[in-house]
Amino acid sequence: MNSGFHQPQIRFDIRAEREEYERLFCHQARILQDRMARRSHTDRTRKPDLPEWKKLFLTQEHERRLVHQARVLGWGKEKRFYFAHIFNR
């Protein structure tokens, strides 16, 4: 099939897109969130605080991931020492 003559089956409708965004913008949940944010002077996108055990767990997980990545990236150098007897022939 020639791509120059291809007609897409689904056409983008800018009016439907705008109506969808306006409907979401005027949704009651958003209005309630905005009202709560104005009254409490907080950011409505702010995440709740994490408990101490979860912060500790996440930092340990991050450290484990970094060590693993360092091992993977350093595997080329380690391989030289493991197989040094083969390369020195």
C-alpha atoms as a PDB file:
ATOM      1  CA  MET A   1       0.000   0.000   0.000  1.00  0.00           C
ATOM      2  CA  ASN A   2       1.308   3.423  -0.913  1.00  0.00           C
ATOM      3  CA  SER A   3       1.706   5.549   2.217  1.00  0.00           C
ATOM      4  CA  GLY A   4       0.998   8.689   0.182  1.00  0.00           C
ATOM      5  CA  PHE A   5      -2.635   7.610  -0.302  1.00  0.00           C
ATOM      6  CA  HIS A   6      -3.152   6.164   3.171  1.00  0.00           C
ATOM      7  CA  GLN A   7      -6.058   7.668   5.080  1.00  0.00           C
ATOM      8  CA  PRO A   8      -5.985   7.061   8.853  1.00  0.00           C
ATOM      9  CA  GLN A   9      -9.086   5.337  10.190  1.00  0.00           C
ATOM     10  CA  ILE A  10      -9.306   7.534  13.294  1.00  0.00           C
ATOM     11  CA  ARG A  11      -9.218  11.256  12.827  1.00  0.00           C
ATOM     12  CA  PHE A  12      -8.192  13.661  15.571  1.00  0.00           C
ATOM     13  CA  ASP A  13     -11.070  15.928  16.599  1.00  0.00           C
ATOM     14  CA  ILE A  14      -9.861  19.052  18.378  1.00  0.00           C
ATOM     15  CA  ARG A  15     -13.386  19.970  19.498  1.00  0.00           C
ATOM     16  CA  ALA A  16     -13.945  16.633  21.212  1.00  0.00           C
ATOM     17  CA  GLU A  17     -10.532  16.925  22.847  1.00  0.00           C
ATOM     18  CA  ARG A  18     -11.344  20.390  24.185  1.00  0.00           C
ATOM     19  CA  GLU A  19     -14.744  19.271  25.481  1.00  0.00           C
ATOM     20  CA  GLU A  20     -13.093  16.374  27.322  1.00  0.00           C
ATOM     21  CA  TYR A  21     -10.558  18.671  28.989  1.00  0.00           C
ATOM     22  CA  GLU A  22     -13.230  21.197  29.953  1.00  0.00           C
ATOM     23  CA  ARG A  23     -15.343  18.409  31.455  1.00  0.00           C
ATOM     24  CA  LEU A  24     -12.375  17.177  33.497  1.00  0.00           C
ATOM     25  CA  PHE A  25     -11.437  20.723  34.531  1.00  0.00           C
ATOM     26  CA  CYS A  26     -14.950  21.407  35.837  1.00  0.00           C
ATOM     27  CA  HIS A  27     -15.294  18.024  37.553  1.00  0.00           C
ATOM     28  CA  GLN A  28     -16.580  18.132  41.147  1.00  0.00           C
ATOM     29  CA  ALA A  29     -13.558  16.286  42.543  1.00  0.00           C
ATOM     30  CA  ARG A  30     -11.216  18.907  41.133  1.00  0.00           C
ATOM     31  CA  ILE A  31     -13.360  21.722  42.486  1.00  0.00           C
ATOM     32  CA  LEU A  32     -13.340  20.078  45.925  1.00  0.00           C
ATOM     33  CA  GLN A  33      -9.563  19.614  45.804  1.00  0.00           C
ATOM     34  CA  ASP A  34      -9.053  23.246  44.823  1.00  0.00           C
ATOM     35  CA  ARG A  35     -11.319  24.421  47.636  1.00  0.00           C
ATOM     36  CA  MET A  36      -9.476  22.269  50.179  1.00  0.00           C
ATOM     37  CA  ALA A  37      -6.147  23.567  48.905  1.00  0.00           C
ATOM     38  CA  ARG A  38      -7.279  27.176  49.265  1.00  0.00           C
ATOM     39  CA  ARG A  39      -8.532  26.615  52.825  1.00  0.00           C
ATOM     40  CA  SER A  40      -5.528  24.675  54.095  1.00  0.00           C
ATOM     41  CA  HIS A  41      -2.855  26.545  52.130  1.00  0.00           C
ATOM     42  CA  THR A  42      -1.289  23.272  50.994  1.00  0.00           C
ATOM     43  CA  ASP A  43      -0.335  21.910  47.632  1.00  0.00           C
ATOM     44  CA  ARG A  44      -2.939  19.467  46.366  1.00  0.00           C
ATOM     45  CA  THR A  45      -0.288  17.513  44.474  1.00  0.00           C
ATOM     46  CA  ARG A  46       1.845  16.947  47.609  1.00  0.00           C
ATOM     47  CA  LYS A  47       2.289  13.333  48.603  1.00  0.00           C
ATOM     48  CA  PRO A  48       1.720  12.317  52.233  1.00  0.00           C
ATOM     49  CA  ASP A  49       4.762  11.824  54.449  1.00  0.00           C
ATOM     50  CA  LEU A  50       6.375   8.390  54.518  1.00  0.00           C
ATOM     51  CA  PRO A  51       6.859   6.525  57.778  1.00  0.00           C
ATOM     52  CA  GLU A  52      10.417   6.166  59.035  1.00  0.00           C
ATOM     53  CA  TRP A  53      10.657   2.431  58.289  1.00  0.00           C
ATOM     54  CA  LYS A  54       9.634   2.987  54.685  1.00  0.00           C
ATOM     55  CA  LYS A  55      12.214   5.762  54.202  1.00  0.00           C
ATOM     56  CA  LEU A  56      14.902   3.439  55.565  1.00  0.00           C
ATOM     57  CA  PHE A  57      13.730   0.604  53.310  1.00  0.00           C
ATOM     58  CA  LEU A  58      13.741   2.845  50.222  1.00  0.00           C
ATOM     59  CA  THR A  59      17.253   4.142  50.924  1.00  0.00           C
ATOM     60  CA  GLN A  60      18.551   0.579  51.409  1.00  0.00           C
ATOM     61  CA  GLU A  61      16.850  -0.521  48.201  1.00  0.00           C
ATOM     62  CA  HIS A  62      18.416   2.406  46.342  1.00  0.00           C
ATOM     63  CA  GLU A  63      21.864   1.497  47.691  1.00  0.00           C
ATOM     64  CA  ARG A  64      21.397  -2.155  46.658  1.00  0.00           C
ATOM     65  CA  ARG A  65      20.422  -1.054  43.171  1.00  0.00           C
ATOM     66  CA  LEU A  66      23.488   1.189  42.894  1.00  0.00           C
ATOM     67  CA  VAL A  67      25.800  -1.635  44.011  1.00  0.00           C
ATOM     68  CA  HIS A  68      24.234  -3.964  41.466  1.00  0.00           C
ATOM     69  CA  GLN A  69      24.621  -1.407  38.680  1.00  0.00           C
ATOM     70  CA  ALA A  70      28.258  -0.822  39.650  1.00  0.00           C
ATOM     71  CA  ARG A  71      28.912  -4.569  39.521  1.00  0.00           C
ATOM     72  CA  VAL A  72      27.292  -4.859  36.109  1.00  0.00           C
ATOM     73  CA  LEU A  73      29.240  -1.904  34.735  1.00  0.00           C
ATOM     74  CA  GLY A  74      32.486  -3.160  36.256  1.00  0.00           C
ATOM     75  CA  TRP A  75      32.078  -6.686  34.933  1.00  0.00           C
ATOM     76  CA  GLY A  76      34.331  -5.949  31.939  1.00  0.00           C
ATOM     77  CA  LYS A  77      37.238  -5.073  34.223  1.00  0.00           C
ATOM     78  CA  GLU A  78      36.604  -8.078  36.479  1.00  0.00           C
ATOM     79  CA  LYS A  79      36.541 -10.394  33.468  1.00  0.00           C
ATOM     80  CA  ARG A  80      40.122  -9.446  32.615  1.00  0.00           C
ATOM     81  CA  PHE A  81      41.295 -10.737  35.993  1.00  0.00           C
ATOM     82  CA  TYR A  82      39.155 -13.896  35.918  1.00  0.00           C
ATOM     83  CA  PHE A  83      40.400 -14.952  32.491  1.00  0.00           C
ATOM     84  CA  ALA A  84      43.932 -13.518  32.750  1.00  0.00           C
ATOM     85  CA  HIS A  85      45.496 -16.970  32.293  1.00  0.00           C
ATOM     86  CA  ILE A  86      43.788 -17.318  28.882  1.00  0.00           C
ATOM     87  CA  PHE A  87      44.773 -13.909  27.568  1.00  0.00           C
ATOM     88  CA  ASN A  88      48.458 -14.220  28.540  1.00  0.00           C
ATOM     89  CA  ARG A  89      49.189 -17.112  26.175  1.00  0.00           C
END
